[in-house]
Amino acid sequence: MRRPSTSNRLDDQVLAWGRSNTQGEVQLKQPVPVPGTYTVMVVATNYEPLIGERELHLDANTPAYFDPWGKIWLRSR
């Protein structure tokens, strides 16, 4: 069955995902293509989701591993 091209399902829009360790370091499961501009969403149990639309800007020289933000603070529910 072919999926329609206008879909709003989150899993159809996810380019990369990762998990955080107890120190808050995130490892993506696959690389993100460069160059590009991306929306970032952080979801954690008992915290409000954090969404930054078109906040991650990567140019062609972006290294495979880097930290563009330092610390990201989440608000508890």
N, C-alpha and C. Protein backbone atom coordinates (compact mmCIF):
# COMPACT_ATOMS: atom_id res chain seq x y z
N MET A 1 0.84 -1.17 0.00
CA MET A 1 0.00 0.00 0.00
C MET A 1 0.89 1.25 0.00
N ARG A 2 0.57 2.19 -0.81
CA ARG A 2 1.36 3.41 -0.92
C ARG A 2 0.85 4.47 0.05
N ARG A 3 1.77 5.12 0.76
CA ARG A 3 1.39 6.18 1.69
C ARG A 3 1.10 7.46 0.93
N PRO A 4 0.11 8.21 1.37
CA PRO A 4 -0.14 9.50 0.72
C PRO A 4 1.03 10.45 0.96
N SER A 5 1.27 11.37 0.02
CA SER A 5 2.40 12.27 0.15
C SER A 5 2.17 13.37 1.18
N THR A 6 0.94 13.65 1.56
CA THR A 6 0.66 14.66 2.58
C THR A 6 0.29 13.95 3.87
N SER A 7 1.30 13.66 4.66
CA SER A 7 1.11 12.93 5.90
C SER A 7 1.57 13.78 7.06
N ASN A 8 0.88 13.68 8.19
CA ASN A 8 1.27 14.40 9.39
C ASN A 8 1.74 13.47 10.48
N ARG A 9 1.90 12.21 10.18
CA ARG A 9 2.39 11.27 11.18
C ARG A 9 3.82 11.59 11.55
N LEU A 10 4.11 11.65 12.84
CA LEU A 10 5.45 12.01 13.31
C LEU A 10 6.51 11.05 12.78
N ASP A 11 6.22 9.75 12.77
CA ASP A 11 7.23 8.80 12.32
C ASP A 11 7.53 8.92 10.84
N ASP A 12 6.67 9.56 10.05
CA ASP A 12 6.95 9.82 8.65
C ASP A 12 7.83 11.04 8.46
N GLN A 13 8.02 11.84 9.51
CA GLN A 13 8.75 13.08 9.40
C GLN A 13 10.10 13.04 10.13
N VAL A 14 10.37 12.00 10.88
CA VAL A 14 11.60 11.92 11.67
C VAL A 14 12.76 11.55 10.76
N LEU A 15 13.80 12.39 10.78
CA LEU A 15 14.99 12.13 9.99
C LEU A 15 16.02 11.36 10.81
N ALA A 16 16.13 11.70 12.08
CA ALA A 16 17.07 11.03 12.96
C ALA A 16 16.53 11.09 14.38
N TRP A 17 16.89 10.12 15.19
CA TRP A 17 16.50 10.14 16.60
C TRP A 17 17.65 9.56 17.41
N GLY A 18 17.64 9.88 18.68
CA GLY A 18 18.69 9.39 19.55
C GLY A 18 18.21 9.27 20.97
N ARG A 19 19.08 8.81 21.81
CA ARG A 19 18.79 8.66 23.24
C ARG A 19 19.86 9.36 24.04
N SER A 20 19.47 9.79 25.23
CA SER A 20 20.40 10.50 26.11
C SER A 20 20.84 9.57 27.23
N ASN A 21 22.08 9.77 27.69
CA ASN A 21 22.54 9.04 28.87
C ASN A 21 22.25 9.88 30.11
N THR A 22 22.66 9.45 31.28
CA THR A 22 22.35 10.17 32.52
C THR A 22 23.07 11.51 32.62
N GLN A 23 24.09 11.74 31.81
CA GLN A 23 24.78 13.03 31.78
C GLN A 23 24.14 13.99 30.78
N GLY A 24 23.14 13.52 30.02
CA GLY A 24 22.46 14.37 29.05
C GLY A 24 23.09 14.37 27.68
N GLU A 25 24.10 13.53 27.46
CA GLU A 25 24.73 13.45 26.14
C GLU A 25 23.83 12.63 25.21
N VAL A 26 23.60 13.14 24.01
CA VAL A 26 22.73 12.47 23.05
C VAL A 26 23.57 11.88 21.93
N GLN A 27 23.29 10.63 21.61
CA GLN A 27 23.91 9.98 20.46
C GLN A 27 22.79 9.67 19.46
N LEU A 28 22.90 10.21 18.26
CA LEU A 28 21.92 9.92 17.22
C LEU A 28 22.16 8.52 16.68
N LYS A 29 21.08 7.87 16.26
CA LYS A 29 21.18 6.51 15.74
C LYS A 29 21.68 6.49 14.30
N GLN A 30 21.59 7.61 13.60
CA GLN A 30 22.08 7.72 12.23
C GLN A 30 22.50 9.17 11.99
N PRO A 31 23.42 9.40 11.04
CA PRO A 31 23.87 10.78 10.79
C PRO A 31 22.77 11.61 10.14
N VAL A 32 22.84 12.92 10.35
CA VAL A 32 21.91 13.87 9.73
C VAL A 32 22.60 14.44 8.50
N PRO A 33 21.93 14.45 7.34
CA PRO A 33 22.56 14.96 6.13
C PRO A 33 22.93 16.45 6.24
N VAL A 34 24.08 16.80 5.68
CA VAL A 34 24.51 18.20 5.63
C VAL A 34 24.72 18.57 4.17
N PRO A 35 24.52 19.80 3.78
CA PRO A 35 23.97 20.91 4.56
C PRO A 35 22.47 20.74 4.75
N GLY A 36 21.92 21.46 5.73
CA GLY A 36 20.48 21.42 5.95
C GLY A 36 20.08 22.23 7.17
N THR A 37 18.79 22.52 7.25
CA THR A 37 18.19 23.21 8.39
C THR A 37 17.10 22.30 8.90
N TYR A 38 17.07 22.06 10.24
CA TYR A 38 16.19 21.06 10.80
C TYR A 38 15.42 21.57 12.02
N THR A 39 14.26 20.99 12.22
CA THR A 39 13.48 21.20 13.43
C THR A 39 13.93 20.15 14.44
N VAL A 40 14.08 20.56 15.69
CA VAL A 40 14.54 19.65 16.74
C VAL A 40 13.45 19.52 17.79
N MET A 41 13.17 18.29 18.22
CA MET A 41 12.20 18.04 19.27
C MET A 41 12.84 17.16 20.33
N VAL A 42 12.75 17.59 21.59
CA VAL A 42 13.28 16.81 22.71
C VAL A 42 12.08 16.39 23.56
N VAL A 43 11.96 15.09 23.80
CA VAL A 43 10.86 14.54 24.59
C VAL A 43 11.44 13.70 25.70
N ALA A 44 11.00 13.94 26.93
CA ALA A 44 11.46 13.17 28.08
C ALA A 44 10.28 12.93 29.01
N THR A 45 10.22 11.77 29.63
CA THR A 45 9.16 11.42 30.56
C THR A 45 9.09 12.44 31.68
N ASN A 46 7.90 12.90 31.99
CA ASN A 46 7.62 13.87 33.06
C ASN A 46 8.12 15.28 32.76
N TYR A 47 8.47 15.58 31.52
CA TYR A 47 8.89 16.91 31.12
C TYR A 47 8.08 17.37 29.92
N GLU A 48 7.91 18.67 29.79
CA GLU A 48 7.21 19.22 28.63
C GLU A 48 8.11 19.07 27.41
N PRO A 49 7.54 18.71 26.25
CA PRO A 49 8.36 18.61 25.04
C PRO A 49 8.97 19.97 24.70
N LEU A 50 10.15 19.94 24.16
CA LEU A 50 10.84 21.14 23.72
C LEU A 50 10.98 21.05 22.21
N ILE A 51 10.43 22.03 21.49
CA ILE A 51 10.47 22.00 20.03
C ILE A 51 11.08 23.30 19.52
N GLY A 52 12.07 23.19 18.69
CA GLY A 52 12.70 24.34 18.05
C GLY A 52 12.55 24.18 16.55
N GLU A 53 11.63 24.93 15.96
CA GLU A 53 11.39 24.80 14.52
C GLU A 53 12.50 25.48 13.73
N ARG A 54 13.11 24.70 12.83
CA ARG A 54 14.18 25.19 11.94
C ARG A 54 15.31 25.86 12.73
N GLU A 55 15.66 25.27 13.89
CA GLU A 55 16.68 25.84 14.77
C GLU A 55 18.08 25.28 14.55
N LEU A 56 18.18 24.11 13.94
CA LEU A 56 19.48 23.49 13.73
C LEU A 56 19.93 23.73 12.30
N HIS A 57 20.99 24.53 12.14
CA HIS A 57 21.51 24.88 10.81
C HIS A 57 22.88 24.23 10.65
N LEU A 58 22.99 23.33 9.70
CA LEU A 58 24.25 22.63 9.44
C LEU A 58 24.76 23.00 8.06
N ASP A 59 26.04 23.40 7.97
CA ASP A 59 26.60 23.68 6.66
C ASP A 59 27.40 22.46 6.18
N ALA A 60 27.94 22.55 5.00
CA ALA A 60 28.63 21.41 4.40
C ALA A 60 29.88 21.01 5.18
N ASN A 61 30.43 21.89 6.01
CA ASN A 61 31.64 21.59 6.77
C ASN A 61 31.36 21.12 8.20
N THR A 62 30.11 20.88 8.54
CA THR A 62 29.77 20.45 9.89
C THR A 62 30.36 19.07 10.17
N PRO A 63 31.11 18.92 11.28
CA PRO A 63 31.68 17.59 11.59
C PRO A 63 30.58 16.61 12.00
N ALA A 64 30.88 15.34 11.91
CA ALA A 64 29.89 14.31 12.24
C ALA A 64 29.47 14.36 13.71
N TYR A 65 30.38 14.74 14.61
CA TYR A 65 30.06 14.80 16.04
C TYR A 65 30.40 16.19 16.57
N PHE A 66 29.39 16.89 17.05
CA PHE A 66 29.61 18.20 17.66
C PHE A 66 28.40 18.54 18.51
N ASP A 67 28.53 19.55 19.35
CA ASP A 67 27.46 19.96 20.25
C ASP A 67 27.07 21.40 19.94
N PRO A 68 25.96 21.62 19.20
CA PRO A 68 25.62 22.98 18.80
C PRO A 68 25.02 23.84 19.91
N TRP A 69 24.54 23.23 21.01
CA TRP A 69 23.82 24.01 22.02
C TRP A 69 24.46 24.03 23.40
N GLY A 70 25.29 23.10 23.73
CA GLY A 70 25.75 23.00 25.10
C GLY A 70 24.65 22.32 25.91
N LYS A 71 24.11 23.00 26.91
CA LYS A 71 23.04 22.40 27.73
C LYS A 71 21.67 22.85 27.23
N ILE A 72 20.71 21.93 27.27
CA ILE A 72 19.31 22.23 26.98
C ILE A 72 18.52 21.96 28.25
N TRP A 73 17.77 22.95 28.70
CA TRP A 73 17.02 22.83 29.94
C TRP A 73 15.57 22.49 29.62
N LEU A 74 15.01 21.49 30.30
CA LEU A 74 13.62 21.09 30.14
C LEU A 74 12.81 21.50 31.35
N ARG A 75 11.56 21.84 31.14
CA ARG A 75 10.65 22.24 32.23
C ARG A 75 9.85 21.01 32.67
N SER A 76 9.86 20.71 33.95
CA SER A 76 9.11 19.55 34.45
C SER A 76 7.62 19.86 34.44
N ARG A 77 6.83 18.80 34.36
CA ARG A 77 5.36 18.97 34.34
C ARG A 77 4.83 19.08 35.73
